[in-house]
Amino acid sequence: MGDSKTKSEGPVQINIRCDEHISQGVYSNFAKISHSEDEFTIDFIYINPDPPFGKLQSRIITSPGHAKRFLMAL
């Protein structure tokens, strides 16, 4: 039996919404990467030199496949 649903051809356009504070971006001068078999966690940190302290700016949790594509883009 054939599938009664037909897929449209061509790329699918996805509209992405972004809050203003996210679209401005943040500065990071340090990154910490940890991983398990199922996911990668990348922490982007700003380290202020005087007095020395760090602030987590953003955390990305992604699949190994997406992490590999990110690496290939670099």
PDB file of N, CA and C in Angstrom:
ATOM      1  N   MET A   1       0.838  -1.177   0.000  1.00  0.00           N
ATOM      2  CA  MET A   1       0.000   0.000   0.000  1.00  0.00           C
ATOM      3  C   MET A   1       0.880   1.236   0.000  1.00  0.00           C
ATOM      4  N   GLY A   2       0.487   2.194  -0.745  1.00  0.00           N
ATOM      5  CA  GLY A   2       1.231   3.443  -0.818  1.00  0.00           C
ATOM      6  C   GLY A   2       0.836   4.393   0.293  1.00  0.00           C
ATOM      7  N   ASP A   3       1.704   5.295   0.564  1.00  0.00           N
ATOM      8  CA  ASP A   3       1.436   6.315   1.580  1.00  0.00           C
ATOM      9  C   ASP A   3       0.483   7.350   0.995  1.00  0.00           C
ATOM     10  N   SER A   4      -0.607   7.627   1.694  1.00  0.00           N
ATOM     11  CA  SER A   4      -1.589   8.569   1.171  1.00  0.00           C
ATOM     12  C   SER A   4      -1.113  10.019   1.272  1.00  0.00           C
ATOM     13  N   LYS A   5      -0.109  10.261   2.115  1.00  0.00           N
ATOM     14  CA  LYS A   5       0.423  11.617   2.248  1.00  0.00           C
ATOM     15  C   LYS A   5       1.555  11.809   1.244  1.00  0.00           C
ATOM     16  N   THR A   6       1.532  12.891   0.533  1.00  0.00           N
ATOM     17  CA  THR A   6       2.609  13.181  -0.403  1.00  0.00           C
ATOM     18  C   THR A   6       3.459  14.300   0.159  1.00  0.00           C
ATOM     19  N   LYS A   7       4.755  14.177  -0.014  1.00  0.00           N
ATOM     20  CA  LYS A   7       5.680  15.197   0.465  1.00  0.00           C
ATOM     21  C   LYS A   7       5.864  16.249  -0.618  1.00  0.00           C
ATOM     22  N   SER A   8       5.850  17.506  -0.211  1.00  0.00           N
ATOM     23  CA  SER A   8       6.095  18.566  -1.183  1.00  0.00           C
ATOM     24  C   SER A   8       7.582  18.591  -1.508  1.00  0.00           C
ATOM     25  N   GLU A   9       7.875  18.920  -2.732  1.00  0.00           N
ATOM     26  CA  GLU A   9       9.266  18.966  -3.157  1.00  0.00           C
ATOM     27  C   GLU A   9       9.850  20.338  -2.887  1.00  0.00           C
ATOM     28  N   GLY A  10      11.147  20.396  -2.724  1.00  0.00           N
ATOM     29  CA  GLY A  10      11.831  21.655  -2.477  1.00  0.00           C
ATOM     30  C   GLY A  10      12.115  21.856  -0.998  1.00  0.00           C
ATOM     31  N   PRO A  11      12.920  22.855  -0.706  1.00  0.00           N
ATOM     32  CA  PRO A  11      13.295  23.103   0.688  1.00  0.00           C
ATOM     33  C   PRO A  11      12.123  23.645   1.504  1.00  0.00           C
ATOM     34  N   VAL A  12      12.130  23.315   2.773  1.00  0.00           N
ATOM     35  CA  VAL A  12      11.117  23.810   3.699  1.00  0.00           C
ATOM     36  C   VAL A  12      11.646  25.093   4.325  1.00  0.00           C
ATOM     37  N   GLN A  13      10.841  26.142   4.320  1.00  0.00           N
ATOM     38  CA  GLN A  13      11.246  27.408   4.924  1.00  0.00           C
ATOM     39  C   GLN A  13      10.750  27.441   6.360  1.00  0.00           C
ATOM     40  N   ILE A  14      11.668  27.699   7.285  1.00  0.00           N
ATOM     41  CA  ILE A  14      11.326  27.774   8.701  1.00  0.00           C
ATOM     42  C   ILE A  14      11.548  29.200   9.168  1.00  0.00           C
ATOM     43  N   ASN A  15      10.523  29.814   9.732  1.00  0.00           N
ATOM     44  CA  ASN A  15      10.651  31.155  10.303  1.00  0.00           C
ATOM     45  C   ASN A  15      11.181  31.030  11.722  1.00  0.00           C
ATOM     46  N   ILE A  16      12.277  31.720  12.017  1.00  0.00           N
ATOM     47  CA  ILE A  16      12.908  31.660  13.331  1.00  0.00           C
ATOM     48  C   ILE A  16      12.709  32.982  14.035  1.00  0.00           C
ATOM     49  N   ARG A  17      12.168  32.922  15.240  1.00  0.00           N
ATOM     50  CA  ARG A  17      11.975  34.121  16.054  1.00  0.00           C
ATOM     51  C   ARG A  17      13.140  34.241  17.025  1.00  0.00           C
ATOM     52  N   CYS A  18      13.519  35.480  17.323  1.00  0.00           N
ATOM     53  CA  CYS A  18      14.654  35.720  18.210  1.00  0.00           C
ATOM     54  C   CYS A  18      14.370  36.929  19.082  1.00  0.00           C
ATOM     55  N   ASP A  19      14.519  36.762  20.398  1.00  0.00           N
ATOM     56  CA  ASP A  19      14.375  37.897  21.303  1.00  0.00           C
ATOM     57  C   ASP A  19      15.508  38.887  21.067  1.00  0.00           C
ATOM     58  N   GLU A  20      15.247  40.166  21.315  1.00  0.00           N
ATOM     59  CA  GLU A  20      16.237  41.207  21.038  1.00  0.00           C
ATOM     60  C   GLU A  20      17.539  40.987  21.807  1.00  0.00           C
ATOM     61  N   HIS A  21      17.448  40.618  23.074  1.00  0.00           N
ATOM     62  CA  HIS A  21      18.681  40.442  23.852  1.00  0.00           C
ATOM     63  C   HIS A  21      19.520  39.275  23.333  1.00  0.00           C
ATOM     64  N   ILE A  22      18.913  38.286  22.718  1.00  0.00           N
ATOM     65  CA  ILE A  22      19.653  37.180  22.114  1.00  0.00           C
ATOM     66  C   ILE A  22      20.310  37.636  20.813  1.00  0.00           C
ATOM     67  N   SER A  23      19.608  38.424  20.016  1.00  0.00           N
ATOM     68  CA  SER A  23      20.135  38.851  18.717  1.00  0.00           C
ATOM     69  C   SER A  23      21.342  39.775  18.851  1.00  0.00           C
ATOM     70  N   GLN A  24      21.501  40.420  20.002  1.00  0.00           N
ATOM     71  CA  GLN A  24      22.649  41.305  20.209  1.00  0.00           C
ATOM     72  C   GLN A  24      23.936  40.520  20.415  1.00  0.00           C
ATOM     73  N   GLY A  25      23.841  39.282  20.860  1.00  0.00           N
ATOM     74  CA  GLY A  25      25.019  38.458  21.082  1.00  0.00           C
ATOM     75  C   GLY A  25      25.735  38.813  22.378  1.00  0.00           C
ATOM     76  N   VAL A  26      26.695  37.987  22.755  1.00  0.00           N
ATOM     77  CA  VAL A  26      27.506  38.210  23.949  1.00  0.00           C
ATOM     78  C   VAL A  26      28.958  37.896  23.615  1.00  0.00           C
ATOM     79  N   TYR A  27      29.878  38.471  24.385  1.00  0.00           N
ATOM     80  CA  TYR A  27      31.305  38.234  24.169  1.00  0.00           C
ATOM     81  C   TYR A  27      31.781  37.115  25.087  1.00  0.00           C
ATOM     82  N   SER A  28      32.606  36.243  24.551  1.00  0.00           N
ATOM     83  CA  SER A  28      33.192  35.148  25.309  1.00  0.00           C
ATOM     84  C   SER A  28      34.672  35.059  24.965  1.00  0.00           C
ATOM     85  N   ASN A  29      35.521  34.908  25.991  1.00  0.00           N
ATOM     86  CA  ASN A  29      36.951  34.733  25.734  1.00  0.00           C
ATOM     87  C   ASN A  29      37.456  33.398  26.271  1.00  0.00           C
ATOM     88  N   PHE A  30      36.530  32.499  26.602  1.00  0.00           N
ATOM     89  CA  PHE A  30      36.891  31.170  27.100  1.00  0.00           C
ATOM     90  C   PHE A  30      35.725  30.222  26.823  1.00  0.00           C
ATOM     91  N   ALA A  31      36.041  28.989  26.493  1.00  0.00           N
ATOM     92  CA  ALA A  31      34.997  27.985  26.279  1.00  0.00           C
ATOM     93  C   ALA A  31      35.380  26.697  26.995  1.00  0.00           C
ATOM     94  N   LYS A  32      34.393  26.038  27.557  1.00  0.00           N
ATOM     95  CA  LYS A  32      34.583  24.745  28.225  1.00  0.00           C
ATOM     96  C   LYS A  32      33.657  23.754  27.540  1.00  0.00           C
ATOM     97  N   ILE A  33      34.214  22.640  27.103  1.00  0.00           N
ATOM     98  CA  ILE A  33      33.431  21.644  26.376  1.00  0.00           C
ATOM     99  C   ILE A  33      33.441  20.334  27.155  1.00  0.00           C
ATOM    100  N   SER A  34      32.270  19.789  27.397  1.00  0.00           N
ATOM    101  CA  SER A  34      32.157  18.466  28.009  1.00  0.00           C
ATOM    102  C   SER A  34      31.188  17.650  27.162  1.00  0.00           C
ATOM    103  N   HIS A  35      31.296  16.325  27.282  1.00  0.00           N
ATOM    104  CA  HIS A  35      30.437  15.496  26.433  1.00  0.00           C
ATOM    105  C   HIS A  35      30.168  14.143  27.065  1.00  0.00           C
ATOM    106  N   SER A  36      29.120  13.542  26.588  1.00  0.00           N
ATOM    107  CA  SER A  36      28.787  12.152  26.888  1.00  0.00           C
ATOM    108  C   SER A  36      28.574  11.469  25.544  1.00  0.00           C
ATOM    109  N   GLU A  37      28.146  10.240  25.575  1.00  0.00           N
ATOM    110  CA  GLU A  37      27.899   9.523  24.322  1.00  0.00           C
ATOM    111  C   GLU A  37      26.774  10.166  23.513  1.00  0.00           C
ATOM    112  N   ASP A  38      25.833  10.815  24.207  1.00  0.00           N
ATOM    113  CA  ASP A  38      24.635  11.327  23.546  1.00  0.00           C
ATOM    114  C   ASP A  38      24.602  12.822  23.299  1.00  0.00           C
ATOM    115  N   GLU A  39      25.472  13.603  23.975  1.00  0.00           N
ATOM    116  CA  GLU A  39      25.389  15.055  23.811  1.00  0.00           C
ATOM    117  C   GLU A  39      26.707  15.746  24.128  1.00  0.00           C
ATOM    118  N   PHE A  40      26.854  16.936  23.547  1.00  0.00           N
ATOM    119  CA  PHE A  40      27.968  17.829  23.833  1.00  0.00           C
ATOM    120  C   PHE A  40      27.406  19.059  24.534  1.00  0.00           C
ATOM    121  N   THR A  41      28.110  19.534  25.559  1.00  0.00           N
ATOM    122  CA  THR A  41      27.747  20.764  26.247  1.00  0.00           C
ATOM    123  C   THR A  41      28.904  21.734  26.082  1.00  0.00           C
ATOM    124  N   ILE A  42      28.612  22.902  25.523  1.00  0.00           N
ATOM    125  CA  ILE A  42      29.632  23.927  25.309  1.00  0.00           C
ATOM    126  C   ILE A  42      29.239  25.148  26.123  1.00  0.00           C
ATOM    127  N   ASP A  43      30.093  25.496  27.094  1.00  0.00           N
ATOM    128  CA  ASP A  43      29.885  26.686  27.916  1.00  0.00           C
ATOM    129  C   ASP A  43      30.760  27.808  27.380  1.00  0.00           C
ATOM    130  N   PHE A  44      30.160  28.949  27.084  1.00  0.00           N
ATOM    131  CA  PHE A  44      30.887  30.135  26.648  1.00  0.00           C
ATOM    132  C   PHE A  44      30.975  31.072  27.847  1.00  0.00           C
ATOM    133  N   ILE A  45      32.200  31.421  28.234  1.00  0.00           N
ATOM    134  CA  ILE A  45      32.459  32.146  29.476  1.00  0.00           C
ATOM    135  C   ILE A  45      33.242  33.414  29.178  1.00  0.00           C
ATOM    136  N   TYR A  46      32.926  34.479  29.915  1.00  0.00           N
ATOM    137  CA  TYR A  46      33.738  35.696  29.870  1.00  0.00           C
ATOM    138  C   TYR A  46      34.556  35.730  31.150  1.00  0.00           C
ATOM    139  N   ILE A  47      35.882  35.791  31.012  1.00  0.00           N
ATOM    140  CA  ILE A  47      36.772  35.890  32.162  1.00  0.00           C
ATOM    141  C   ILE A  47      37.288  37.312  32.249  1.00  0.00           C
ATOM    142  N   ASN A  48      36.924  37.988  33.331  1.00  0.00           N
ATOM    143  CA  ASN A  48      37.379  39.350  33.600  1.00  0.00           C
ATOM    144  C   ASN A  48      38.713  39.256  34.341  1.00  0.00           C
ATOM    145  N   PRO A  49      39.767  39.923  33.852  1.00  0.00           N
ATOM    146  CA  PRO A  49      41.090  39.767  34.459  1.00  0.00           C
ATOM    147  C   PRO A  49      41.302  40.512  35.778  1.00  0.00           C
ATOM    148  N   ASP A  50      40.509  41.540  36.081  1.00  0.00           N
ATOM    149  CA  ASP A  50      40.820  42.346  37.265  1.00  0.00           C
ATOM    150  C   ASP A  50      39.564  42.737  38.024  1.00  0.00           C
ATOM    151  N   PRO A  51      39.225  42.203  39.153  1.00  0.00           N
ATOM    152  CA  PRO A  51      39.814  40.995  39.751  1.00  0.00           C
ATOM    153  C   PRO A  51      39.375  39.768  38.961  1.00  0.00           C
ATOM    154  N   PRO A  52      40.160  38.717  38.988  1.00  0.00           N
ATOM    155  CA  PRO A  52      39.822  37.564  38.141  1.00  0.00           C
ATOM    156  C   PRO A  52      38.529  36.870  38.584  1.00  0.00           C
ATOM    157  N   PHE A  53      37.574  36.826  37.676  1.00  0.00           N
ATOM    158  CA  PHE A  53      36.344  36.058  37.880  1.00  0.00           C
ATOM    159  C   PHE A  53      35.767  35.730  36.514  1.00  0.00           C
ATOM    160  N   GLY A  54      34.964  34.706  36.459  1.00  0.00           N
ATOM    161  CA  GLY A  54      34.339  34.311  35.202  1.00  0.00           C
ATOM    162  C   GLY A  54      32.833  34.358  35.303  1.00  0.00           C
ATOM    163  N   LYS A  55      32.189  34.616  34.167  1.00  0.00           N
ATOM    164  CA  LYS A  55      30.726  34.633  34.105  1.00  0.00           C
ATOM    165  C   LYS A  55      30.283  33.806  32.904  1.00  0.00           C
ATOM    166  N   LEU A  56      29.421  32.832  33.158  1.00  0.00           N
ATOM    167  CA  LEU A  56      28.868  32.027  32.078  1.00  0.00           C
ATOM    168  C   LEU A  56      27.965  32.908  31.228  1.00  0.00           C
ATOM    169  N   GLN A  57      28.289  33.033  29.952  1.00  0.00           N
ATOM    170  CA  GLN A  57      27.520  33.875  29.042  1.00  0.00           C
ATOM    171  C   GLN A  57      26.422  33.088  28.331  1.00  0.00           C
ATOM    172  N   SER A  58      26.746  31.838  27.957  1.00  0.00           N
ATOM    173  CA  SER A  58      25.787  31.028  27.214  1.00  0.00           C
ATOM    174  C   SER A  58      26.190  29.564  27.317  1.00  0.00           C
ATOM    175  N   ARG A  59      25.203  28.687  27.235  1.00  0.00           N
ATOM    176  CA  ARG A  59      25.456  27.242  27.244  1.00  0.00           C
ATOM    177  C   ARG A  59      24.680  26.630  26.086  1.00  0.00           C
ATOM    178  N   ILE A  60      25.379  25.841  25.280  1.00  0.00           N
ATOM    179  CA  ILE A  60      24.772  25.142  24.154  1.00  0.00           C
ATOM    180  C   ILE A  60      24.857  23.644  24.438  1.00  0.00           C
ATOM    181  N   ILE A  61      23.739  22.954  24.349  1.00  0.00           N
ATOM    182  CA  ILE A  61      23.708  21.499  24.494  1.00  0.00           C
ATOM    183  C   ILE A  61      23.216  20.951  23.163  1.00  0.00           C
ATOM    184  N   THR A  62      24.018  20.082  22.549  1.00  0.00           N
ATOM    185  CA  THR A  62      23.701  19.628  21.198  1.00  0.00           C
ATOM    186  C   THR A  62      24.098  18.164  21.006  1.00  0.00           C
ATOM    187  N   SER A  63      23.661  17.602  19.907  1.00  0.00           N
ATOM    188  CA  SER A  63      23.966  16.207  19.588  1.00  0.00           C
ATOM    189  C   SER A  63      25.383  16.098  19.026  1.00  0.00           C
ATOM    190  N   PRO A  64      25.983  14.905  19.071  1.00  0.00           N
ATOM    191  CA  PRO A  64      27.304  14.726  18.468  1.00  0.00           C
ATOM    192  C   PRO A  64      27.332  15.085  16.977  1.00  0.00           C
ATOM    193  N   GLY A  65      26.258  14.784  16.254  1.00  0.00           N
ATOM    194  CA  GLY A  65      26.202  15.124  14.827  1.00  0.00           C
ATOM    195  C   GLY A  65      26.263  16.618  14.586  1.00  0.00           C
ATOM    196  N   HIS A  66      25.508  17.395  15.365  1.00  0.00           N
ATOM    197  CA  HIS A  66      25.548  18.849  15.224  1.00  0.00           C
ATOM    198  C   HIS A  66      26.903  19.398  15.661  1.00  0.00           C
ATOM    199  N   ALA A  67      27.502  18.824  16.703  1.00  0.00           N
ATOM    200  CA  ALA A  67      28.823  19.272  17.147  1.00  0.00           C
ATOM    201  C   ALA A  67      29.860  19.041  16.047  1.00  0.00           C
ATOM    202  N   LYS A  68      29.771  17.919  15.356  1.00  0.00           N
ATOM    203  CA  LYS A  68      30.707  17.627  14.265  1.00  0.00           C
ATOM    204  C   LYS A  68      30.523  18.617  13.116  1.00  0.00           C
ATOM    205  N   ARG A  69      29.289  18.952  12.771  1.00  0.00           N
ATOM    206  CA  ARG A  69      29.053  19.931  11.707  1.00  0.00           C
ATOM    207  C   ARG A  69      29.557  21.317  12.111  1.00  0.00           C
ATOM    208  N   PHE A  70      29.431  21.643  13.386  1.00  0.00           N
ATOM    209  CA  PHE A  70      29.973  22.904  13.896  1.00  0.00           C
ATOM    210  C   PHE A  70      31.494  22.918  13.736  1.00  0.00           C
ATOM    211  N   LEU A  71      32.144  21.827  14.097  1.00  0.00           N
ATOM    212  CA  LEU A  71      33.596  21.711  13.941  1.00  0.00           C
ATOM    213  C   LEU A  71      34.005  21.852  12.478  1.00  0.00           C
ATOM    214  N   MET A  72      33.289  21.217  11.575  1.00  0.00           N
ATOM    215  CA  MET A  72      33.627  21.288  10.149  1.00  0.00           C
ATOM    216  C   MET A  72      33.455  22.705   9.608  1.00  0.00           C
ATOM    217  N   ALA A  73      32.550  23.480  10.189  1.00  0.00           N
ATOM    218  CA  ALA A  73      32.350  24.867   9.748  1.00  0.00           C
ATOM    219  C   ALA A  73      33.513  25.757  10.168  1.00  0.00           C
ATOM    220  N   LEU A  74      34.230  25.358  11.212  1.00  0.00           N
ATOM    221  CA  LEU A  74      35.377  26.153  11.652  1.00  0.00           C
ATOM    222  C   LEU A  74      36.533  25.914  10.716  1.00  0.00           C
TER     223      LEU A  74
END
